[in-house]
């Protein structure tokens, strides 16, 4: 399932440790930057928590800056970002 947008959407795929603080810290990072996800999904599996987040309205530069700030998180294992959709 994905959010449908007329413009490009930054899709983040995050994996972090299975810690109760991981999910609220990720969404807290987004909130501090004024980002409201168009779509979000959280799954827990094999000792990790996976989060997929889709954000409309970010250009490549801003999407990259957000990805770097998420990578710096101590509970983060992996961050990938790409763009889906188009204008």
N, C-alpha and C. Protein backbone atom coordinates (compact mmCIF):
# COMPACT_ATOMS: atom_id res chain seq x y z
N UNK A 1 0.85 -1.17 0.00
CA UNK A 1 0.00 0.00 0.00
C UNK A 1 0.89 1.23 0.00
N UNK A 2 0.58 2.20 -0.79
CA UNK A 2 1.34 3.43 -0.88
C UNK A 2 0.41 4.63 -1.04
N UNK A 3 0.88 5.75 -0.61
CA UNK A 3 0.19 7.02 -0.81
C UNK A 3 0.35 7.42 -2.27
N UNK A 4 -0.70 7.92 -2.87
CA UNK A 4 -0.64 8.35 -4.26
C UNK A 4 -0.56 9.87 -4.29
N UNK A 5 0.44 10.38 -4.99
CA UNK A 5 0.66 11.82 -5.07
C UNK A 5 0.92 12.20 -6.51
N UNK A 6 0.68 13.45 -6.86
CA UNK A 6 0.96 13.92 -8.22
C UNK A 6 2.43 14.22 -8.42
N UNK A 7 3.15 14.50 -7.36
CA UNK A 7 4.58 14.80 -7.45
C UNK A 7 5.39 13.65 -6.88
N UNK A 8 6.71 13.79 -6.93
CA UNK A 8 7.55 12.74 -6.36
C UNK A 8 7.37 12.65 -4.85
N UNK A 9 7.52 11.45 -4.35
CA UNK A 9 7.38 11.17 -2.93
C UNK A 9 8.66 10.51 -2.45
N UNK A 10 9.24 11.03 -1.38
CA UNK A 10 10.42 10.40 -0.79
C UNK A 10 9.95 9.21 0.04
N UNK A 11 10.50 8.03 -0.28
CA UNK A 11 10.14 6.81 0.45
C UNK A 11 11.34 6.39 1.27
N UNK A 12 11.17 6.37 2.59
CA UNK A 12 12.21 5.95 3.51
C UNK A 12 11.92 4.54 3.99
N UNK A 13 12.95 3.71 4.00
CA UNK A 13 12.85 2.38 4.57
C UNK A 13 13.90 2.31 5.68
N UNK A 14 13.42 2.18 6.90
CA UNK A 14 14.27 2.25 8.08
C UNK A 14 14.23 0.91 8.82
N UNK A 15 15.37 0.52 9.37
CA UNK A 15 15.41 -0.65 10.25
C UNK A 15 16.18 -0.25 11.49
N UNK A 16 15.63 -0.64 12.64
CA UNK A 16 16.28 -0.31 13.90
C UNK A 16 16.13 -1.43 14.90
N UNK A 17 16.80 -1.27 16.01
CA UNK A 17 16.74 -2.28 17.06
C UNK A 17 15.33 -2.36 17.64
N UNK A 18 15.00 -3.53 18.12
CA UNK A 18 13.68 -3.77 18.71
C UNK A 18 13.67 -3.17 20.12
N UNK A 19 13.52 -1.86 20.16
CA UNK A 19 13.55 -1.10 21.41
C UNK A 19 12.29 -0.24 21.46
N UNK A 20 11.65 -0.16 22.62
CA UNK A 20 10.41 0.63 22.71
C UNK A 20 10.58 2.10 22.35
N UNK A 21 11.79 2.62 22.41
CA UNK A 21 12.04 4.03 22.10
C UNK A 21 12.24 4.29 20.60
N UNK A 22 12.48 3.25 19.81
CA UNK A 22 12.84 3.45 18.41
C UNK A 22 11.75 4.15 17.61
N UNK A 23 10.54 3.64 17.64
CA UNK A 23 9.46 4.22 16.82
C UNK A 23 9.15 5.66 17.22
N UNK A 24 8.95 5.97 18.51
CA UNK A 24 8.66 7.37 18.84
C UNK A 24 9.82 8.31 18.52
N UNK A 25 11.05 7.84 18.60
CA UNK A 25 12.18 8.70 18.26
C UNK A 25 12.23 9.00 16.77
N UNK A 26 11.92 8.00 15.95
CA UNK A 26 11.89 8.24 14.50
C UNK A 26 10.83 9.27 14.15
N UNK A 27 9.62 9.07 14.67
CA UNK A 27 8.54 10.02 14.35
C UNK A 27 8.78 11.37 15.01
N UNK A 28 9.50 11.40 16.13
CA UNK A 28 9.88 12.66 16.74
C UNK A 28 10.85 13.44 15.85
N UNK A 29 11.79 12.72 15.21
CA UNK A 29 12.71 13.38 14.27
C UNK A 29 11.93 14.02 13.13
N UNK A 30 10.96 13.31 12.60
CA UNK A 30 10.13 13.86 11.53
C UNK A 30 9.37 15.09 12.01
N UNK A 31 8.77 15.01 13.18
CA UNK A 31 7.97 16.12 13.71
C UNK A 31 8.82 17.36 13.95
N UNK A 32 10.04 17.19 14.46
CA UNK A 32 10.92 18.34 14.70
C UNK A 32 11.25 19.07 13.41
N UNK A 33 11.19 18.39 12.29
CA UNK A 33 11.46 19.01 11.00
C UNK A 33 10.18 19.46 10.29
N UNK A 34 9.04 19.31 10.98
CA UNK A 34 7.77 19.74 10.40
C UNK A 34 7.25 18.79 9.33
N UNK A 35 7.70 17.53 9.36
CA UNK A 35 7.32 16.55 8.34
C UNK A 35 6.17 15.69 8.87
N UNK A 36 5.09 15.66 8.10
CA UNK A 36 3.97 14.77 8.40
C UNK A 36 3.93 13.72 7.30
N UNK A 37 4.14 12.44 7.64
CA UNK A 37 4.15 11.40 6.61
C UNK A 37 2.80 11.29 5.90
N UNK A 38 2.86 11.04 4.60
CA UNK A 38 1.65 10.75 3.83
C UNK A 38 1.24 9.30 4.07
N UNK A 39 2.23 8.47 4.41
CA UNK A 39 1.99 7.05 4.64
C UNK A 39 3.07 6.57 5.61
N UNK A 40 2.69 5.67 6.51
CA UNK A 40 3.67 5.05 7.40
C UNK A 40 3.22 3.64 7.74
N UNK A 41 4.19 2.75 7.83
CA UNK A 41 3.92 1.36 8.21
C UNK A 41 5.06 0.89 9.11
N UNK A 42 4.72 0.24 10.19
CA UNK A 42 5.71 -0.27 11.13
C UNK A 42 5.51 -1.78 11.25
N UNK A 43 6.64 -2.52 11.16
CA UNK A 43 6.59 -3.97 11.33
C UNK A 43 7.74 -4.41 12.23
N UNK A 44 7.46 -5.40 13.02
CA UNK A 44 8.45 -5.96 13.94
C UNK A 44 8.75 -7.38 13.51
N UNK A 45 10.05 -7.70 13.36
CA UNK A 45 10.42 -9.03 12.90
C UNK A 45 11.88 -9.32 13.21
N UNK A 46 12.16 -10.50 13.68
CA UNK A 46 13.53 -11.01 13.87
C UNK A 46 14.41 -10.05 14.67
N UNK A 47 13.88 -9.51 15.74
CA UNK A 47 14.67 -8.64 16.60
C UNK A 47 14.89 -7.23 16.07
N UNK A 48 14.22 -6.89 14.97
CA UNK A 48 14.33 -5.55 14.40
C UNK A 48 12.95 -4.95 14.21
N UNK A 49 12.91 -3.64 14.09
CA UNK A 49 11.68 -2.94 13.76
C UNK A 49 11.91 -2.25 12.41
N UNK A 50 11.00 -2.50 11.47
CA UNK A 50 11.08 -1.86 10.16
C UNK A 50 10.00 -0.80 10.04
N UNK A 51 10.38 0.33 9.49
CA UNK A 51 9.42 1.42 9.28
C UNK A 51 9.55 1.88 7.83
N UNK A 52 8.43 1.96 7.15
CA UNK A 52 8.40 2.58 5.83
C UNK A 52 7.59 3.86 5.95
N UNK A 53 8.17 4.95 5.49
CA UNK A 53 7.52 6.25 5.57
C UNK A 53 7.59 6.90 4.20
N UNK A 54 6.47 7.47 3.75
CA UNK A 54 6.44 8.20 2.49
C UNK A 54 6.10 9.66 2.79
N UNK A 55 6.92 10.56 2.23
CA UNK A 55 6.78 11.99 2.50
C UNK A 55 6.71 12.74 1.18
N UNK A 56 5.62 13.46 0.96
CA UNK A 56 5.48 14.30 -0.23
C UNK A 56 6.06 15.67 0.07
N UNK A 57 6.54 16.33 -0.97
CA UNK A 57 6.95 17.72 -0.84
C UNK A 57 8.40 17.96 -0.47
N UNK A 58 9.23 16.90 -0.41
CA UNK A 58 10.65 17.10 -0.16
C UNK A 58 11.42 17.02 -1.47
N UNK A 59 12.39 17.91 -1.64
CA UNK A 59 13.27 17.75 -2.79
C UNK A 59 14.40 16.78 -2.39
N UNK A 60 15.25 16.42 -3.36
CA UNK A 60 16.30 15.44 -3.10
C UNK A 60 17.24 15.89 -1.99
N UNK A 61 17.58 17.16 -1.98
CA UNK A 61 18.49 17.68 -0.96
C UNK A 61 17.90 17.53 0.44
N UNK A 62 16.67 17.99 0.62
CA UNK A 62 16.03 17.90 1.94
C UNK A 62 15.80 16.44 2.35
N UNK A 63 15.45 15.60 1.39
CA UNK A 63 15.26 14.18 1.69
C UNK A 63 16.57 13.56 2.16
N UNK A 64 17.68 13.95 1.54
CA UNK A 64 18.99 13.45 1.94
C UNK A 64 19.39 13.92 3.32
N UNK A 65 19.12 15.18 3.62
CA UNK A 65 19.43 15.72 4.95
C UNK A 65 18.66 14.96 6.02
N UNK A 66 17.37 14.72 5.77
CA UNK A 66 16.56 13.97 6.72
C UNK A 66 17.10 12.55 6.88
N UNK A 67 17.48 11.91 5.78
CA UNK A 67 18.03 10.54 5.85
C UNK A 67 19.30 10.52 6.70
N UNK A 68 20.17 11.51 6.54
CA UNK A 68 21.40 11.57 7.33
C UNK A 68 21.10 11.75 8.81
N UNK A 69 20.13 12.57 9.14
CA UNK A 69 19.80 12.76 10.56
C UNK A 69 19.22 11.47 11.15
N UNK A 70 18.45 10.73 10.35
CA UNK A 70 17.92 9.45 10.83
C UNK A 70 19.04 8.42 10.99
N UNK A 71 20.01 8.41 10.07
CA UNK A 71 21.14 7.47 10.16
C UNK A 71 21.95 7.68 11.43
N UNK A 72 22.00 8.91 11.92
CA UNK A 72 22.79 9.23 13.11
C UNK A 72 22.15 8.72 14.39
N UNK A 73 20.93 8.26 14.33
CA UNK A 73 20.21 7.79 15.52
C UNK A 73 20.87 6.52 16.05
N UNK A 74 21.10 6.45 17.35
CA UNK A 74 21.83 5.33 17.96
C UNK A 74 21.12 3.99 17.83
N UNK A 75 19.81 3.96 17.69
CA UNK A 75 19.09 2.70 17.57
C UNK A 75 18.89 2.26 16.11
N UNK A 76 19.35 3.09 15.17
CA UNK A 76 19.15 2.83 13.75
C UNK A 76 20.16 1.81 13.24
N UNK A 77 19.66 0.87 12.43
CA UNK A 77 20.53 -0.13 11.80
C UNK A 77 20.77 0.24 10.34
N UNK A 78 19.72 0.69 9.64
CA UNK A 78 19.84 0.96 8.21
C UNK A 78 18.79 1.98 7.79
N UNK A 79 19.17 2.87 6.86
CA UNK A 79 18.25 3.84 6.28
C UNK A 79 18.43 3.84 4.77
N UNK A 80 17.35 3.70 4.04
CA UNK A 80 17.38 3.83 2.58
C UNK A 80 16.29 4.82 2.20
N UNK A 81 16.58 5.64 1.19
CA UNK A 81 15.58 6.59 0.70
C UNK A 81 15.64 6.60 -0.82
N UNK A 82 14.47 6.62 -1.45
CA UNK A 82 14.38 6.78 -2.89
C UNK A 82 13.13 7.57 -3.18
N UNK A 83 12.93 7.90 -4.45
CA UNK A 83 11.76 8.67 -4.85
C UNK A 83 10.86 7.80 -5.71
N UNK A 84 9.57 7.90 -5.45
CA UNK A 84 8.56 7.18 -6.23
C UNK A 84 7.58 8.19 -6.79
N UNK A 85 6.90 7.82 -7.85
CA UNK A 85 5.93 8.73 -8.46
C UNK A 85 6.62 9.79 -9.28
N UNK A 86 5.85 10.73 -9.66
CA UNK A 86 6.41 11.82 -10.47
C UNK A 86 5.34 12.79 -10.84
N UNK A 87 5.77 13.89 -11.40
CA UNK A 87 4.85 14.93 -11.77
C UNK A 87 4.47 14.72 -13.16
